[in-house]
Every structure is written in structure tokens, then in C-alpha cells.
């Protein structure tokens, strides 16, 4: 189970990377509490361009915060960017 402190840190990390544009961030635990889904509402699609550099920075940051649960066969966290109820981008790291 992912602890609340780790979830709070993950939300704040994503909020900081958004520089004010990604302020509405929701989270939910999935797969019995071992996968964290972060949903970011984006008002302006043009301001939600996740560059490769930012993508790698998000991956590195969240991998330090959110522990990999033994037995999970997929990402242990995912960030989805949503505009008008449509997913416009996502960031996740598939474990080796």
C-alpha cells in the first residue's frame, strides 16, 4: 500500500512541475493500493506540452517517491493529463 505521505509528495511534485498550470490534481489508488494514478486537469492544451526532458524529470522524481511493489507487473504510478474529459497525454515508467 502506498502511504499518504508519498502520495502528498507526488502531488506536490507534479504541481511544482506544472508551474501553476497544473493546479487541479486528483489521485486514486488502484490495484489494491499499489498503483497511484494522478489525474491533472489542464485548461489550456497548448500549455500542457510535456517535453522529453520534463517527462524524464517526472519519471525520476516519482520513482524516488513512489515505491515499487513486489509483484506489480506494470507501472506503479501514472500521470494522466486531461482536457475536457479526454486524456491528452500521460507519463509513466514501466519497471524492468
C-alpha atoms as a PDB file:
ATOM      1  CA  UNK A   1       0.000   0.000   0.000  1.00  0.00           C
ATOM      2  CA  UNK A   2       1.311   3.444  -0.928  1.00  0.00           C
ATOM      3  CA  UNK A   3       1.471   5.694   2.131  1.00  0.00           C
ATOM      4  CA  UNK A   4      -0.330   9.049   2.303  1.00  0.00           C
ATOM      5  CA  UNK A   5       2.938  10.940   2.787  1.00  0.00           C
ATOM      6  CA  UNK A   6       4.279   9.565  -0.507  1.00  0.00           C
ATOM      7  CA  UNK A   7       1.023  10.474  -2.269  1.00  0.00           C
ATOM      8  CA  UNK A   8       1.153  14.032  -0.914  1.00  0.00           C
ATOM      9  CA  UNK A   9       4.772  14.389  -2.069  1.00  0.00           C
ATOM     10  CA  UNK A  10       3.889  13.066  -5.534  1.00  0.00           C
ATOM     11  CA  UNK A  11       1.007  15.547  -5.888  1.00  0.00           C
ATOM     12  CA  UNK A  12       3.231  18.452  -4.825  1.00  0.00           C
ATOM     13  CA  UNK A  13       5.972  17.349  -7.216  1.00  0.00           C
ATOM     14  CA  UNK A  14       3.558  17.340 -10.169  1.00  0.00           C
ATOM     15  CA  UNK A  15       2.067  20.665  -9.053  1.00  0.00           C
ATOM     16  CA  UNK A  16       5.575  22.210  -8.973  1.00  0.00           C
ATOM     17  CA  UNK A  17       6.433  20.908 -12.440  1.00  0.00           C
ATOM     18  CA  UNK A  18       3.230  22.473 -13.776  1.00  0.00           C
ATOM     19  CA  UNK A  19       4.342  25.938 -12.656  1.00  0.00           C
ATOM     20  CA  UNK A  20       0.798  26.980 -11.841  1.00  0.00           C
ATOM     21  CA  UNK A  21      -0.820  25.459 -14.924  1.00  0.00           C
ATOM     22  CA  UNK A  22      -1.414  22.049 -13.326  1.00  0.00           C
ATOM     23  CA  UNK A  23      -3.172  23.062 -10.132  1.00  0.00           C
ATOM     24  CA  UNK A  24      -6.159  20.692 -10.151  1.00  0.00           C
ATOM     25  CA  UNK A  25      -4.604  17.309  -9.397  1.00  0.00           C
ATOM     26  CA  UNK A  26      -6.612  14.304  -8.230  1.00  0.00           C
ATOM     27  CA  UNK A  27      -5.273  10.951  -7.162  1.00  0.00           C
ATOM     28  CA  UNK A  28      -6.584   7.459  -6.650  1.00  0.00           C
ATOM     29  CA  UNK A  29      -5.011   4.191  -5.620  1.00  0.00           C
ATOM     30  CA  UNK A  30      -5.603   1.211  -7.881  1.00  0.00           C
ATOM     31  CA  UNK A  31      -4.770  -2.499  -7.893  1.00  0.00           C
ATOM     32  CA  UNK A  32      -5.215  -2.928  -4.161  1.00  0.00           C
ATOM     33  CA  UNK A  33      -3.383   0.268  -3.277  1.00  0.00           C
ATOM     34  CA  UNK A  34      -0.066  -0.442  -5.025  1.00  0.00           C
ATOM     35  CA  UNK A  35      -0.546   1.761  -8.119  1.00  0.00           C
ATOM     36  CA  UNK A  36      -1.004   5.539  -7.874  1.00  0.00           C
ATOM     37  CA  UNK A  37      -2.989   7.295 -10.614  1.00  0.00           C
ATOM     38  CA  UNK A  38      -2.551  11.079 -10.729  1.00  0.00           C
ATOM     39  CA  UNK A  39      -5.058  12.958 -12.919  1.00  0.00           C
ATOM     40  CA  UNK A  40      -4.158  16.513 -13.924  1.00  0.00           C
ATOM     41  CA  UNK A  41      -6.879  18.765 -15.327  1.00  0.00           C
ATOM     42  CA  UNK A  42      -5.375  21.026 -17.972  1.00  0.00           C
ATOM     43  CA  UNK A  43      -7.322  24.104 -19.025  1.00  0.00           C
ATOM     44  CA  UNK A  44      -5.102  25.051 -21.980  1.00  0.00           C
ATOM     45  CA  UNK A  45      -3.903  22.132 -24.107  1.00  0.00           C
ATOM     46  CA  UNK A  46      -1.143  24.266 -25.642  1.00  0.00           C
ATOM     47  CA  UNK A  47       0.367  24.785 -22.173  1.00  0.00           C
ATOM     48  CA  UNK A  48       0.427  21.044 -21.488  1.00  0.00           C
ATOM     49  CA  UNK A  49       3.258  20.030 -23.726  1.00  0.00           C
ATOM     50  CA  UNK A  50       5.321  17.514 -21.786  1.00  0.00           C
ATOM     51  CA  UNK A  51       8.800  17.721 -23.259  1.00  0.00           C
ATOM     52  CA  UNK A  52      11.089  14.706 -23.216  1.00  0.00           C
ATOM     53  CA  UNK A  53      13.242  16.427 -20.593  1.00  0.00           C
ATOM     54  CA  UNK A  54      10.249  17.115 -18.337  1.00  0.00           C
ATOM     55  CA  UNK A  55       8.966  13.563 -18.904  1.00  0.00           C
ATOM     56  CA  UNK A  56      12.319  12.131 -17.728  1.00  0.00           C
ATOM     57  CA  UNK A  57      12.360  14.500 -14.739  1.00  0.00           C
ATOM     58  CA  UNK A  58       8.837  13.430 -13.711  1.00  0.00           C
ATOM     59  CA  UNK A  59       9.817   9.767 -14.065  1.00  0.00           C
ATOM     60  CA  UNK A  60      12.965  10.207 -11.964  1.00  0.00           C
ATOM     61  CA  UNK A  61      11.127  12.193  -9.284  1.00  0.00           C
ATOM     62  CA  UNK A  62       8.145   9.881  -8.918  1.00  0.00           C
ATOM     63  CA  UNK A  63      10.336   6.764  -8.957  1.00  0.00           C
ATOM     64  CA  UNK A  64      12.123   8.160  -5.892  1.00  0.00           C
ATOM     65  CA  UNK A  65       8.853   8.917  -4.091  1.00  0.00           C
ATOM     66  CA  UNK A  66       6.549   6.012  -5.010  1.00  0.00           C
ATOM     67  CA  UNK A  67       7.893   2.583  -4.062  1.00  0.00           C
ATOM     68  CA  UNK A  68       7.772  -0.313  -6.481  1.00  0.00           C
ATOM     69  CA  UNK A  69       5.559  -3.019  -5.004  1.00  0.00           C
ATOM     70  CA  UNK A  70       6.892  -6.541  -5.385  1.00  0.00           C
ATOM     71  CA  UNK A  71       4.667  -8.474  -7.749  1.00  0.00           C
ATOM     72  CA  UNK A  72       3.359  -5.468  -9.677  1.00  0.00           C
ATOM     73  CA  UNK A  73       3.584  -6.234 -13.387  1.00  0.00           C
ATOM     74  CA  UNK A  74       3.260  -2.766 -14.762  1.00  0.00           C
ATOM     75  CA  UNK A  75       3.809   0.842 -13.785  1.00  0.00           C
ATOM     76  CA  UNK A  76       3.497   1.624 -10.079  1.00  0.00           C
ATOM     77  CA  UNK A  77       2.314   5.136 -10.842  1.00  0.00           C
ATOM     78  CA  UNK A  78       0.850   7.004 -13.808  1.00  0.00           C
ATOM     79  CA  UNK A  79       0.170  10.675 -14.515  1.00  0.00           C
ATOM     80  CA  UNK A  80      -2.598  11.455 -16.997  1.00  0.00           C
ATOM     81  CA  UNK A  81      -3.275  14.928 -18.367  1.00  0.00           C
ATOM     82  CA  UNK A  82      -6.941  15.596 -19.078  1.00  0.00           C
ATOM     83  CA  UNK A  83      -8.709  18.338 -21.008  1.00  0.00           C
ATOM     84  CA  UNK A  84     -12.490  18.355 -21.403  1.00  0.00           C
ATOM     85  CA  UNK A  85     -12.766  14.731 -20.204  1.00  0.00           C
ATOM     86  CA  UNK A  86     -10.187  13.493 -22.737  1.00  0.00           C
ATOM     87  CA  UNK A  87      -6.728  12.183 -21.929  1.00  0.00           C
ATOM     88  CA  UNK A  88      -4.278  14.302 -23.925  1.00  0.00           C
ATOM     89  CA  UNK A  89      -1.010  12.874 -22.579  1.00  0.00           C
ATOM     90  CA  UNK A  90       0.368  10.505 -19.976  1.00  0.00           C
ATOM     91  CA  UNK A  91       3.634   9.805 -18.208  1.00  0.00           C
ATOM     92  CA  UNK A  92       4.568   6.504 -16.595  1.00  0.00           C
ATOM     93  CA  UNK A  93       7.569   4.265 -16.140  1.00  0.00           C
ATOM     94  CA  UNK A  94       7.314   0.557 -16.862  1.00  0.00           C
ATOM     95  CA  UNK A  95       9.591  -1.332 -14.446  1.00  0.00           C
ATOM     96  CA  UNK A  96      12.230  -3.670 -15.838  1.00  0.00           C
END
